[in-house]
Amino acid sequence: PMMKANAAGTRSNALVEFVDIMPTLIDLALGAPPPLCPADSSAVALCTEGRSLKKVMASPTTTADLYPAAFMQYATCMHDDRLWHDGCNNSTEPRVMGYAMRTRQYRYIEWIHFDKTVSPSAQWQLPVLGTEMYDHTTADSVENAAEAVNLAGDPAHEATRMELSKQLRAGWRAGLALN
């Protein structure tokens, strides 16, 4: 079936992720996206961790999100235990990983020590180096103005920070069950 054409430049505020590109293209070309990957996908020929954006493209002004949150991670290097930067240059790097989550209202990040020899689930047992929490409902006309104030250390936002931390640590797969 053909998708209804939208006006050029129509934008959507839906929470989406890069992993949605492949299932979207397959859905548009073949009429159905590949199935969601199981927790252990080693024996699966084709699966995805993303969702098709076909419905978002057909109705970009909808307020429904594909996800309750979008997840990302960002590796940094740490030399002399003082300087964080992007230029990893030896086999012990990266030593710091930022795990982030963007909800409709917040962007929340936890920076933790990273050890390649530790299983992914055990990474959360490593020391937290810092947290960031930004409220995107306070943004004015300046892009990303909301990220000028880190609310993670504000006692008035502690309950929200703890809930976001719990959601981040539960991961993207737990979030799919909420939607």
Protein backbone atom coordinates (compact mmCIF):
# COMPACT_ATOMS: atom_id res chain seq x y z
CA PRO A 1 0.00 0.00 0.00
CA MET A 2 1.12 3.53 -0.74
CA MET A 3 1.78 5.96 2.09
CA LYS A 4 -0.10 9.20 2.04
CA ALA A 5 2.27 11.98 0.98
CA ASN A 6 2.84 14.76 3.51
CA ALA A 7 3.86 18.32 2.83
CA ALA A 8 7.60 18.72 2.38
CA GLY A 9 9.34 19.73 5.57
CA THR A 10 6.69 18.35 7.93
CA ARG A 11 8.30 17.67 11.30
CA SER A 12 7.45 15.25 14.06
CA ASN A 13 8.21 15.44 17.76
CA ALA A 14 8.01 11.66 18.17
CA LEU A 15 10.85 10.04 20.11
CA VAL A 16 12.76 7.91 17.60
CA GLU A 17 16.22 6.36 17.37
CA PHE A 18 18.80 5.60 14.68
CA VAL A 19 18.04 1.89 15.07
CA ASP A 20 14.63 2.70 13.55
CA ILE A 21 16.08 3.46 10.11
CA MET A 22 16.66 -0.13 8.97
CA PRO A 23 13.22 -1.50 10.02
CA THR A 24 11.59 1.57 8.46
CA LEU A 25 13.28 1.02 5.10
CA ILE A 26 12.40 -2.68 5.12
CA ASP A 27 8.81 -1.89 6.10
CA LEU A 28 8.47 0.69 3.32
CA ALA A 29 10.00 -1.64 0.74
CA LEU A 30 8.49 -4.98 1.76
CA GLY A 31 5.42 -4.08 3.80
CA ALA A 32 6.60 -5.41 7.16
CA PRO A 33 9.62 -4.70 9.38
CA PRO A 34 11.80 -7.52 10.71
CA PRO A 35 10.86 -8.88 14.14
CA LEU A 36 12.23 -7.41 17.35
CA CYS A 37 15.43 -9.17 18.44
CA PRO A 38 15.13 -11.48 21.44
CA ALA A 39 17.46 -10.92 24.39
CA ASP A 40 19.81 -13.53 22.88
CA SER A 41 19.74 -13.03 19.12
CA SER A 42 22.82 -15.12 18.30
CA ALA A 43 20.73 -17.72 16.44
CA VAL A 44 18.42 -15.24 14.66
CA ALA A 45 19.14 -14.51 10.98
CA LEU A 46 17.46 -11.08 10.85
CA CYS A 47 15.95 -9.01 13.62
CA THR A 48 16.00 -5.42 14.84
CA GLU A 49 16.21 -3.40 18.02
CA GLY A 50 14.33 -0.58 16.30
CA ARG A 51 10.79 0.06 15.18
CA SER A 52 9.41 1.13 11.84
CA LEU A 53 8.74 4.86 11.52
CA LYS A 54 6.07 4.26 8.87
CA LYS A 55 3.21 5.32 11.19
CA VAL A 56 5.11 8.44 12.30
CA MET A 57 5.78 9.35 8.68
CA ALA A 58 2.11 8.87 7.78
CA SER A 59 0.96 11.03 10.70
CA PRO A 60 3.89 13.24 11.80
CA THR A 61 1.80 15.53 14.00
CA THR A 62 0.66 12.70 16.26
CA THR A 63 1.73 13.02 19.88
CA ALA A 64 2.15 9.26 20.29
CA ASP A 65 5.75 8.11 20.76
CA LEU A 66 7.21 4.85 19.55
CA TYR A 67 9.13 4.69 22.83
CA PRO A 68 8.74 6.16 26.31
CA ALA A 69 12.41 7.10 26.00
CA ALA A 70 15.24 7.06 23.48
CA PHE A 71 18.52 5.54 24.68
CA MET A 72 22.10 6.26 23.70
CA GLN A 73 25.64 5.79 24.97
CA TYR A 74 28.81 7.74 24.42
CA ALA A 75 32.33 6.53 25.13
CA THR A 76 35.03 8.90 26.31
CA CYS A 77 38.64 8.37 27.20
CA MET A 78 40.22 9.39 30.47
CA HIS A 79 43.96 9.94 30.67
CA ASP A 80 45.76 10.48 33.94
CA ASP A 81 42.33 10.15 35.63
CA ARG A 82 41.77 13.88 35.01
CA LEU A 83 41.09 14.57 31.37
CA TRP A 84 38.11 13.21 29.45
CA HIS A 85 38.22 13.43 25.68
CA ASP A 86 37.18 11.69 22.49
CA GLY A 87 40.62 10.59 21.24
CA CYS A 88 41.04 7.02 22.47
CA ASN A 89 44.54 5.85 21.67
CA ASN A 90 45.24 2.61 23.49
CA SER A 91 43.73 -0.78 24.18
CA THR A 92 42.53 0.12 27.67
CA GLU A 93 40.16 2.76 26.24
CA PRO A 94 37.44 3.78 26.63
CA ARG A 95 37.48 4.07 30.39
CA VAL A 96 34.35 6.19 30.77
CA MET A 97 30.92 5.53 29.28
CA GLY A 98 27.99 7.90 29.28
CA TYR A 99 24.60 6.21 29.25
CA ALA A 100 21.84 8.64 28.32
CA MET A 101 18.10 8.59 27.97
CA ARG A 102 15.81 11.20 26.44
CA THR A 103 12.15 11.26 27.46
CA ARG A 104 9.59 13.73 26.22
CA GLN A 105 10.58 16.04 29.10
CA TYR A 106 14.09 15.12 30.26
CA ARG A 107 17.54 14.12 29.09
CA TYR A 108 19.29 12.10 31.78
CA ILE A 109 22.90 10.85 31.70
CA GLU A 110 25.00 8.70 34.01
CA TRP A 111 28.77 8.65 33.45
CA ILE A 112 30.35 5.46 34.77
CA HIS A 113 33.74 3.80 34.76
CA PHE A 114 33.86 1.38 31.86
CA ASP A 115 35.62 -1.96 31.77
CA LYS A 116 35.58 -3.98 28.53
CA THR A 117 36.10 -7.20 30.49
CA VAL A 118 32.90 -6.80 32.51
CA SER A 119 29.54 -8.00 31.17
CA PRO A 120 27.09 -5.26 30.10
CA SER A 121 24.74 -5.95 33.03
CA ALA A 122 27.65 -5.67 35.48
CA GLN A 123 28.65 -2.24 34.14
CA TRP A 124 25.97 -0.70 36.40
CA GLN A 125 27.88 -2.00 39.43
CA LEU A 126 30.88 0.19 38.55
CA PRO A 127 31.29 3.63 40.17
CA VAL A 128 29.15 6.49 38.86
CA LEU A 129 31.41 9.43 38.02
CA GLY A 130 28.66 11.96 37.45
CA THR A 131 25.06 12.54 36.48
CA GLU A 132 23.29 15.10 34.34
CA MET A 133 19.56 15.86 34.15
CA TYR A 134 18.04 18.52 31.93
CA ASP A 135 14.40 19.60 31.77
CA HIS A 136 13.48 20.31 28.17
CA THR A 137 10.15 21.94 29.04
CA THR A 138 12.04 25.01 30.29
CA ALA A 139 13.70 25.72 26.93
CA ASP A 140 13.12 29.14 25.44
CA SER A 141 13.76 30.14 21.83
CA VAL A 142 17.48 29.33 22.07
CA GLU A 143 18.22 25.78 20.95
CA ASN A 144 19.15 23.50 23.88
CA ALA A 145 18.78 26.36 26.36
CA ALA A 146 17.30 23.79 28.75
CA GLU A 147 20.67 22.05 28.93
CA ALA A 148 22.31 25.10 30.44
CA VAL A 149 21.16 24.01 33.91
CA ASN A 150 22.04 20.56 35.25
CA LEU A 151 19.27 19.61 37.71
CA ALA A 152 20.84 16.31 38.82
CA GLY A 153 22.24 17.74 42.05
CA ASP A 154 19.16 19.81 42.95
CA PRO A 155 17.38 18.27 45.99
CA ALA A 156 14.03 19.50 44.62
CA HIS A 157 14.49 17.14 41.64
CA GLU A 158 15.91 14.12 43.51
CA ALA A 159 12.76 11.97 43.16
CA THR A 160 12.67 12.60 39.40
CA ARG A 161 16.40 11.90 39.10
CA MET A 162 16.00 8.60 40.94
CA GLU A 163 13.07 7.56 38.72
CA LEU A 164 15.01 8.44 35.56
CA SER A 165 18.03 6.51 36.85
CA LYS A 166 15.84 3.47 37.46
CA GLN A 167 14.37 3.75 33.94
CA LEU A 168 17.82 4.22 32.36
CA ARG A 169 19.23 1.18 34.15
CA ALA A 170 16.21 -0.94 33.18
CA GLY A 171 17.13 -0.21 29.56
CA TRP A 172 15.39 0.13 26.23
CA ARG A 173 13.85 -3.35 26.23
CA ALA A 174 11.98 -2.65 29.50
CA GLY A 175 10.71 0.58 27.97
CA LEU A 176 9.11 -1.25 25.06
CA ALA A 177 6.81 -3.02 27.49
CA LEU A 178 5.52 0.37 28.66
CA ASN A 179 4.41 1.36 25.16
